[in-house]
PDB file of all heavy atoms in Angstrom:
ATOM      1  N   GLY A   1     -23.231   3.291  17.718  1.00  0.00           N
ATOM      2  CA  GLY A   1     -23.396   2.789  19.068  1.00  0.00           C
ATOM      3  C   GLY A   1     -24.756   2.175  19.285  1.00  0.00           C
ATOM      4  O   GLY A   1     -25.467   1.838  18.330  1.00  0.00           O
ATOM      5  N   LEU A   2     -25.110   2.053  20.551  1.00  0.00           N
ATOM      6  CA  LEU A   2     -26.387   1.471  20.962  1.00  0.00           C
ATOM      7  C   LEU A   2     -27.355   2.580  21.350  1.00  0.00           C
ATOM      8  O   LEU A   2     -26.993   3.487  22.122  1.00  0.00           O
ATOM      9  CB  LEU A   2     -26.168   0.532  22.147  1.00  0.00           C
ATOM     10  CG  LEU A   2     -27.404  -0.050  22.820  1.00  0.00           C
ATOM     11  CD1 LEU A   2     -28.165  -0.967  21.866  1.00  0.00           C
ATOM     12  CD2 LEU A   2     -27.009  -0.795  24.089  1.00  0.00           C
ATOM     13  N   VAL A   3     -28.566   2.500  20.829  1.00  0.00           N
ATOM     14  CA  VAL A   3     -29.578   3.515  21.130  1.00  0.00           C
ATOM     15  C   VAL A   3     -30.929   2.827  21.257  1.00  0.00           C
ATOM     16  O   VAL A   3     -31.169   1.783  20.627  1.00  0.00           O
ATOM     17  CB  VAL A   3     -29.599   4.606  20.042  1.00  0.00           C
ATOM     18  CG1 VAL A   3     -30.014   4.032  18.697  1.00  0.00           C
ATOM     19  CG2 VAL A   3     -30.481   5.772  20.428  1.00  0.00           C
ATOM     20  N   GLN A   4     -31.806   3.381  22.073  1.00  0.00           N
ATOM     21  CA  GLN A   4     -33.143   2.815  22.240  1.00  0.00           C
ATOM     22  C   GLN A   4     -34.030   3.202  21.061  1.00  0.00           C
ATOM     23  O   GLN A   4     -33.797   4.230  20.408  1.00  0.00           O
ATOM     24  CB  GLN A   4     -33.761   3.321  23.535  1.00  0.00           C
ATOM     25  CG  GLN A   4     -33.072   2.795  24.784  1.00  0.00           C
ATOM     26  CD  GLN A   4     -33.811   3.187  26.044  1.00  0.00           C
ATOM     27  OE1 GLN A   4     -34.640   4.089  26.041  1.00  0.00           O
ATOM     28  NE2 GLN A   4     -33.516   2.492  27.130  1.00  0.00           N
ATOM     29  N   PRO A   5     -35.037   2.409  20.791  1.00  0.00           N
ATOM     30  CA  PRO A   5     -35.996   2.777  19.740  1.00  0.00           C
ATOM     31  C   PRO A   5     -36.556   4.169  19.986  1.00  0.00           C
ATOM     32  O   PRO A   5     -36.864   4.540  21.125  1.00  0.00           O
ATOM     33  CB  PRO A   5     -37.077   1.710  19.861  1.00  0.00           C
ATOM     34  CG  PRO A   5     -36.357   0.519  20.407  1.00  0.00           C
ATOM     35  CD  PRO A   5     -35.344   1.088  21.363  1.00  0.00           C
ATOM     36  N   GLY A   6     -36.642   4.936  18.914  1.00  0.00           N
ATOM     37  CA  GLY A   6     -37.093   6.311  19.004  1.00  0.00           C
ATOM     38  C   GLY A   6     -35.976   7.311  19.228  1.00  0.00           C
ATOM     39  O   GLY A   6     -36.211   8.524  19.141  1.00  0.00           O
ATOM     40  N   GLY A   7     -34.780   6.815  19.507  1.00  0.00           N
ATOM     41  CA  GLY A   7     -33.650   7.691  19.758  1.00  0.00           C
ATOM     42  C   GLY A   7     -32.980   8.184  18.495  1.00  0.00           C
ATOM     43  O   GLY A   7     -33.445   7.910  17.369  1.00  0.00           O
ATOM     44  N   SER A   8     -31.884   8.917  18.687  1.00  0.00           N
ATOM     45  CA  SER A   8     -31.168   9.529  17.572  1.00  0.00           C
ATOM     46  C   SER A   8     -29.672   9.266  17.678  1.00  0.00           C
ATOM     47  O   SER A   8     -29.132   9.090  18.775  1.00  0.00           O
ATOM     48  CB  SER A   8     -31.392  11.043  17.566  1.00  0.00           C
ATOM     49  OG  SER A   8     -32.745  11.368  17.381  1.00  0.00           O
ATOM     50  N   LEU A   9     -29.041   9.242  16.527  1.00  0.00           N
ATOM     51  CA  LEU A   9     -27.586   9.191  16.427  1.00  0.00           C
ATOM     52  C   LEU A   9     -27.166  10.028  15.238  1.00  0.00           C
ATOM     53  O   LEU A   9     -27.929  10.170  14.270  1.00  0.00           O
ATOM     54  CB  LEU A   9     -27.090   7.753  16.211  1.00  0.00           C
ATOM     55  CG  LEU A   9     -27.086   6.781  17.389  1.00  0.00           C
ATOM     56  CD1 LEU A   9     -26.688   5.390  16.901  1.00  0.00           C
ATOM     57  CD2 LEU A   9     -26.154   7.236  18.484  1.00  0.00           C
ATOM     58  N   ARG A  10     -25.949  10.555  15.299  1.00  0.00           N
ATOM     59  CA  ARG A  10     -25.387  11.235  14.137  1.00  0.00           C
ATOM     60  C   ARG A  10     -24.069  10.568  13.775  1.00  0.00           C
ATOM     61  O   ARG A  10     -23.129  10.552  14.585  1.00  0.00           O
ATOM     62  CB  ARG A  10     -25.150  12.723  14.389  1.00  0.00           C
ATOM     63  CG  ARG A  10     -24.760  13.454  13.095  1.00  0.00           C
ATOM     64  CD  ARG A  10     -24.624  14.947  13.266  1.00  0.00           C
ATOM     65  NE  ARG A  10     -23.322  15.339  13.787  1.00  0.00           N
ATOM     66  CZ  ARG A  10     -22.731  16.503  13.525  1.00  0.00           C
ATOM     67  NH1 ARG A  10     -23.334  17.382  12.754  1.00  0.00           N
ATOM     68  NH2 ARG A  10     -21.562  16.782  14.055  1.00  0.00           N
ATOM     69  N   LEU A  11     -24.019  10.030  12.578  1.00  0.00           N
ATOM     70  CA  LEU A  11     -22.799   9.428  12.066  1.00  0.00           C
ATOM     71  C   LEU A  11     -21.990  10.470  11.304  1.00  0.00           C
ATOM     72  O   LEU A  11     -22.564  11.335  10.632  1.00  0.00           O
ATOM     73  CB  LEU A  11     -23.117   8.259  11.136  1.00  0.00           C
ATOM     74  CG  LEU A  11     -23.978   7.129  11.702  1.00  0.00           C
ATOM     75  CD1 LEU A  11     -24.141   6.026  10.655  1.00  0.00           C
ATOM     76  CD2 LEU A  11     -23.406   6.586  12.987  1.00  0.00           C
ATOM     77  N   SER A  12     -20.682  10.367  11.435  1.00  0.00           N
ATOM     78  CA  SER A  12     -19.773  11.230  10.690  1.00  0.00           C
ATOM     79  C   SER A  12     -18.859  10.374   9.820  1.00  0.00           C
ATOM     80  O   SER A  12     -18.510   9.253  10.198  1.00  0.00           O
ATOM     81  CB  SER A  12     -18.910  12.069  11.632  1.00  0.00           C
ATOM     82  OG  SER A  12     -19.702  12.908  12.435  1.00  0.00           O
ATOM     83  N   CYS A  13     -18.475  10.925   8.685  1.00  0.00           N
ATOM     84  CA  CYS A  13     -17.550  10.256   7.771  1.00  0.00           C
ATOM     85  C   CYS A  13     -16.522  11.300   7.345  1.00  0.00           C
ATOM     86  O   CYS A  13     -16.836  12.181   6.546  1.00  0.00           O
ATOM     87  CB  CYS A  13     -18.302   9.700   6.582  1.00  0.00           C
ATOM     88  SG  CYS A  13     -17.250   8.998   5.281  1.00  0.00           S
ATOM     89  N   ALA A  14     -15.334  11.201   7.904  1.00  0.00           N
ATOM     90  CA  ALA A  14     -14.292  12.187   7.654  1.00  0.00           C
ATOM     91  C   ALA A  14     -13.262  11.640   6.673  1.00  0.00           C
ATOM     92  O   ALA A  14     -12.736  10.540   6.864  1.00  0.00           O
ATOM     93  CB  ALA A  14     -13.616  12.563   8.958  1.00  0.00           C
ATOM     94  N   ALA A  15     -12.981  12.415   5.633  1.00  0.00           N
ATOM     95  CA  ALA A  15     -12.000  12.025   4.622  1.00  0.00           C
ATOM     96  C   ALA A  15     -10.663  12.683   4.911  1.00  0.00           C
ATOM     97  O   ALA A  15     -10.600  13.832   5.341  1.00  0.00           O
ATOM     98  CB  ALA A  15     -12.484  12.426   3.240  1.00  0.00           C
ATOM     99  N   SER A  16      -9.601  11.922   4.651  1.00  0.00           N
ATOM    100  CA  SER A  16      -8.263  12.469   4.820  1.00  0.00           C
ATOM    101  C   SER A  16      -7.316  11.802   3.828  1.00  0.00           C
ATOM    102  O   SER A  16      -7.604  10.730   3.298  1.00  0.00           O
ATOM    103  CB  SER A  16      -7.754  12.243   6.242  1.00  0.00           C
ATOM    104  OG  SER A  16      -7.634  10.854   6.525  1.00  0.00           O
ATOM    105  N   GLY A  17      -6.190  12.475   3.567  1.00  0.00           N
ATOM    106  CA  GLY A  17      -5.138  11.893   2.747  1.00  0.00           C
ATOM    107  C   GLY A  17      -5.286  12.077   1.258  1.00  0.00           C
ATOM    108  O   GLY A  17      -4.430  11.612   0.504  1.00  0.00           O
ATOM    109  N   SER A  18      -6.344  12.753   0.812  1.00  0.00           N
ATOM    110  CA  SER A  18      -6.534  12.957  -0.616  1.00  0.00           C
ATOM    111  C   SER A  18      -6.353  14.428  -0.960  1.00  0.00           C
ATOM    112  O   SER A  18      -6.732  15.294  -0.183  1.00  0.00           O
ATOM    113  CB  SER A  18      -7.936  12.512  -1.035  1.00  0.00           C
ATOM    114  OG  SER A  18      -8.188  12.849  -2.399  1.00  0.00           O
ATOM    115  N   ARG A  19      -5.794  14.695  -2.123  1.00  0.00           N
ATOM    116  CA  ARG A  19      -5.686  16.088  -2.535  1.00  0.00           C
ATOM    117  C   ARG A  19      -6.991  16.583  -3.143  1.00  0.00           C
ATOM    118  O   ARG A  19      -7.106  17.759  -3.488  1.00  0.00           O
ATOM    119  CB  ARG A  19      -4.533  16.262  -3.514  1.00  0.00           C
ATOM    120  CG  ARG A  19      -4.666  15.497  -4.824  1.00  0.00           C
ATOM    121  CD  ARG A  19      -3.341  15.560  -5.574  1.00  0.00           C
ATOM    122  NE  ARG A  19      -3.385  14.833  -6.839  1.00  0.00           N
ATOM    123  CZ  ARG A  19      -3.634  15.427  -8.007  1.00  0.00           C
ATOM    124  NH1 ARG A  19      -3.865  16.715  -8.066  1.00  0.00           N
ATOM    125  NH2 ARG A  19      -3.635  14.712  -9.121  1.00  0.00           N
ATOM    126  N   PHE A  20      -7.956  15.675  -3.277  1.00  0.00           N
ATOM    127  CA  PHE A  20      -9.260  16.044  -3.800  1.00  0.00           C
ATOM    128  C   PHE A  20     -10.277  16.134  -2.670  1.00  0.00           C
ATOM    129  O   PHE A  20     -10.228  15.383  -1.709  1.00  0.00           O
ATOM    130  CB  PHE A  20      -9.732  15.010  -4.816  1.00  0.00           C
ATOM    131  CG  PHE A  20      -8.856  14.896  -6.022  1.00  0.00           C
ATOM    132  CD1 PHE A  20      -7.972  13.838  -6.156  1.00  0.00           C
ATOM    133  CD2 PHE A  20      -8.909  15.853  -7.022  1.00  0.00           C
ATOM    134  CE1 PHE A  20      -7.159  13.721  -7.271  1.00  0.00           C
ATOM    135  CE2 PHE A  20      -8.101  15.744  -8.145  1.00  0.00           C
ATOM    136  CZ  PHE A  20      -7.217  14.691  -8.264  1.00  0.00           C
ATOM    137  N   SER A  21     -11.234  17.001  -2.811  1.00  0.00           N
ATOM    138  CA  SER A  21     -12.343  17.089  -1.867  1.00  0.00           C
ATOM    139  C   SER A  21     -13.392  16.048  -2.226  1.00  0.00           C
ATOM    140  O   SER A  21     -13.396  15.494  -3.332  1.00  0.00           O
ATOM    141  CB  SER A  21     -12.966  18.478  -1.916  1.00  0.00           C
ATOM    142  OG  SER A  21     -12.034  19.466  -1.551  1.00  0.00           O
ATOM    143  N   ILE A  22     -14.266  15.776  -1.281  1.00  0.00           N
ATOM    144  CA  ILE A  22     -15.377  14.872  -1.554  1.00  0.00           C
ATOM    145  C   ILE A  22     -16.275  15.494  -2.611  1.00  0.00           C
ATOM    146  O   ILE A  22     -16.704  16.631  -2.485  1.00  0.00           O
ATOM    147  CB  ILE A  22     -16.182  14.593  -0.276  1.00  0.00           C
ATOM    148  CG1 ILE A  22     -15.342  13.782   0.714  1.00  0.00           C
ATOM    149  CG2 ILE A  22     -17.460  13.836  -0.617  1.00  0.00           C
ATOM    150  CD1 ILE A  22     -16.028  13.568   2.054  1.00  0.00           C
ATOM    151  N   ASN A  23     -16.562  14.727  -3.642  1.00  0.00           N
ATOM    152  CA  ASN A  23     -17.495  15.171  -4.671  1.00  0.00           C
ATOM    153  C   ASN A  23     -18.877  14.698  -4.256  1.00  0.00           C
ATOM    154  O   ASN A  23     -19.612  15.405  -3.580  1.00  0.00           O
ATOM    155  CB  ASN A  23     -17.074  14.597  -6.018  1.00  0.00           C
ATOM    156  CG  ASN A  23     -17.884  15.164  -7.162  1.00  0.00           C
ATOM    157  OD1 ASN A  23     -19.009  15.635  -6.965  1.00  0.00           O
ATOM    158  ND2 ASN A  23     -17.336  15.137  -8.351  1.00  0.00           N
ATOM    159  N   ALA A  24     -19.243  13.502  -4.627  1.00  0.00           N
ATOM    160  CA  ALA A  24     -20.497  12.911  -4.166  1.00  0.00           C
ATOM    161  C   ALA A  24     -20.187  11.902  -3.061  1.00  0.00           C
ATOM    162  O   ALA A  24     -19.065  11.386  -2.975  1.00  0.00           O
ATOM    163  CB  ALA A  24     -21.220  12.225  -5.301  1.00  0.00           C
ATOM    164  N   ALA A  25     -21.176  11.615  -2.217  1.00  0.00           N
ATOM    165  CA  ALA A  25     -20.968  10.675  -1.122  1.00  0.00           C
ATOM    166  C   ALA A  25     -22.270   9.961  -0.808  1.00  0.00           C
ATOM    167  O   ALA A  25     -23.357  10.406  -1.200  1.00  0.00           O
ATOM    168  CB  ALA A  25     -20.444  11.402   0.106  1.00  0.00           C
ATOM    169  N   GLY A  26     -22.135   8.868  -0.087  1.00  0.00           N
ATOM    170  CA  GLY A  26     -23.327   8.113   0.283  1.00  0.00           C
ATOM    171  C   GLY A  26     -23.131   7.330   1.552  1.00  0.00           C
ATOM    172  O   GLY A  26     -21.993   7.101   1.991  1.00  0.00           O
ATOM    173  N   TRP A  27     -24.244   6.962   2.145  1.00  0.00           N
ATOM    174  CA  TRP A  27     -24.262   6.056   3.292  1.00  0.00           C
ATOM    175  C   TRP A  27     -24.993   4.780   2.881  1.00  0.00           C
ATOM    176  O   TRP A  27     -26.045   4.838   2.229  1.00  0.00           O
ATOM    177  CB  TRP A  27     -24.962   6.689   4.478  1.00  0.00           C
ATOM    178  CG  TRP A  27     -24.173   7.741   5.170  1.00  0.00           C
ATOM    179  CD1 TRP A  27     -24.239   9.085   4.966  1.00  0.00           C
ATOM    180  CD2 TRP A  27     -23.176   7.545   6.183  1.00  0.00           C
ATOM    181  NE1 TRP A  27     -23.349   9.736   5.773  1.00  0.00           N
ATOM    182  CE2 TRP A  27     -22.693   8.811   6.538  1.00  0.00           C
ATOM    183  CE3 TRP A  27     -22.651   6.422   6.821  1.00  0.00           C
ATOM    184  CZ2 TRP A  27     -21.702   8.993   7.509  1.00  0.00           C
ATOM    185  CZ3 TRP A  27     -21.670   6.592   7.779  1.00  0.00           C
ATOM    186  CH2 TRP A  27     -21.206   7.866   8.118  1.00  0.00           C
ATOM    187  N   TYR A  28     -24.431   3.665   3.300  1.00  0.00           N
ATOM    188  CA  TYR A  28     -24.997   2.348   3.032  1.00  0.00           C
ATOM    189  C   TYR A  28     -25.070   1.597   4.354  1.00  0.00           C
ATOM    190  O   TYR A  28     -24.424   1.984   5.333  1.00  0.00           O
ATOM    191  CB  TYR A  28     -24.119   1.571   2.038  1.00  0.00           C
ATOM    192  CG  TYR A  28     -24.112   2.156   0.650  1.00  0.00           C
ATOM    193  CD1 TYR A  28     -23.444   3.347   0.379  1.00  0.00           C
ATOM    194  CD2 TYR A  28     -24.777   1.520  -0.390  1.00  0.00           C
ATOM    195  CE1 TYR A  28     -23.446   3.889  -0.893  1.00  0.00           C
ATOM    196  CE2 TYR A  28     -24.788   2.052  -1.668  1.00  0.00           C
ATOM    197  CZ  TYR A  28     -24.112   3.235  -1.910  1.00  0.00           C
ATOM    198  OH  TYR A  28     -24.125   3.772  -3.168  1.00  0.00           O
ATOM    199  N   ARG A  29     -25.837   0.529   4.387  1.00  0.00           N
ATOM    200  CA  ARG A  29     -25.889  -0.277   5.598  1.00  0.00           C
ATOM    201  C   ARG A  29     -26.056  -1.744   5.245  1.00  0.00           C
ATOM    202  O   ARG A  29     -26.614  -2.081   4.200  1.00  0.00           O
ATOM    203  CB  ARG A  29     -27.002   0.173   6.533  1.00  0.00           C
ATOM    204  CG  ARG A  29     -28.411  -0.001   5.998  1.00  0.00           C
ATOM    205  CD  ARG A  29     -29.407   0.640   6.965  1.00  0.00           C
ATOM    206  NE  ARG A  29     -30.785   0.524   6.494  1.00  0.00           N
ATOM    207  CZ  ARG A  29     -31.824   1.103   7.098  1.00  0.00           C
ATOM    208  NH1 ARG A  29     -31.636   1.833   8.204  1.00  0.00           N
ATOM    209  NH2 ARG A  29     -33.041   0.944   6.614  1.00  0.00           N
ATOM    210  N   GLN A  30     -25.583  -2.577   6.160  1.00  0.00           N
ATOM    211  CA  GLN A  30     -25.675  -4.024   5.979  1.00  0.00           C
ATOM    212  C   GLN A  30     -26.071  -4.661   7.294  1.00  0.00           C
ATOM    213  O   GLN A  30     -25.322  -4.606   8.276  1.00  0.00           O
ATOM    214  CB  GLN A  30     -24.346  -4.598   5.487  1.00  0.00           C
ATOM    215  CG  GLN A  30     -24.417  -6.067   5.139  1.00  0.00           C
ATOM    216  CD  GLN A  30     -23.181  -6.546   4.397  1.00  0.00           C
ATOM    217  OE1 GLN A  30     -22.133  -5.895   4.407  1.00  0.00           O
ATOM    218  NE2 GLN A  30     -23.282  -7.682   3.723  1.00  0.00           N
ATOM    219  N   ALA A  31     -27.250  -5.236   7.300  1.00  0.00           N
ATOM    220  CA  ALA A  31     -27.745  -5.954   8.468  1.00  0.00           C
ATOM    221  C   ALA A  31     -27.284  -7.412   8.388  1.00  0.00           C
ATOM    222  O   ALA A  31     -26.978  -7.908   7.303  1.00  0.00           O
ATOM    223  CB  ALA A  31     -29.264  -5.876   8.525  1.00  0.00           C
ATOM    224  N   PRO A  32     -27.244  -8.113   9.526  1.00  0.00           N
ATOM    225  CA  PRO A  32     -26.804  -9.513   9.513  1.00  0.00           C
ATOM    226  C   PRO A  32     -27.634 -10.359   8.554  1.00  0.00           C
ATOM    227  O   PRO A  32     -28.871 -10.295   8.568  1.00  0.00           O
ATOM    228  CB  PRO A  32     -27.022  -9.946  10.967  1.00  0.00           C
ATOM    229  CG  PRO A  32     -26.907  -8.693  11.748  1.00  0.00           C
ATOM    230  CD  PRO A  32     -27.500  -7.631  10.883  1.00  0.00           C
ATOM    231  N   GLY A  33     -26.950 -11.100   7.700  1.00  0.00           N
ATOM    232  CA  GLY A  33     -27.624 -11.978   6.764  1.00  0.00           C
ATOM    233  C   GLY A  33     -28.209 -11.292   5.547  1.00  0.00           C
ATOM    234  O   GLY A  33     -28.885 -11.938   4.735  1.00  0.00           O
ATOM    235  N   LYS A  34     -27.974  -9.988   5.424  1.00  0.00           N
ATOM    236  CA  LYS A  34     -28.531  -9.245   4.297  1.00  0.00           C
ATOM    237  C   LYS A  34     -27.417  -8.594   3.488  1.00  0.00           C
ATOM    238  O   LYS A  34     -26.297  -8.435   3.958  1.00  0.00           O
ATOM    239  CB  LYS A  34     -29.523  -8.187   4.786  1.00  0.00           C
ATOM    240  CG  LYS A  34     -30.744  -8.762   5.467  1.00  0.00           C
ATOM    241  CD  LYS A  34     -31.761  -7.682   5.769  1.00  0.00           C
ATOM    242  CE  LYS A  34     -33.024  -8.276   6.374  1.00  0.00           C
ATOM    243  NZ  LYS A  34     -34.040  -7.217   6.659  1.00  0.00           N
TER     244      LYS A  34
END
C-alpha cells in the first residue's frame, strides 16, 4: 500500500496448493524502469 516516509508495512506471502512446505524463500522488488 501507500505509506509516508519513515512508516512501516508488513508484507505477507502465503503458500497454498502444494504438498510441500516452503523450504527457502525470498523477497524481491522492481522499481519502475529498473
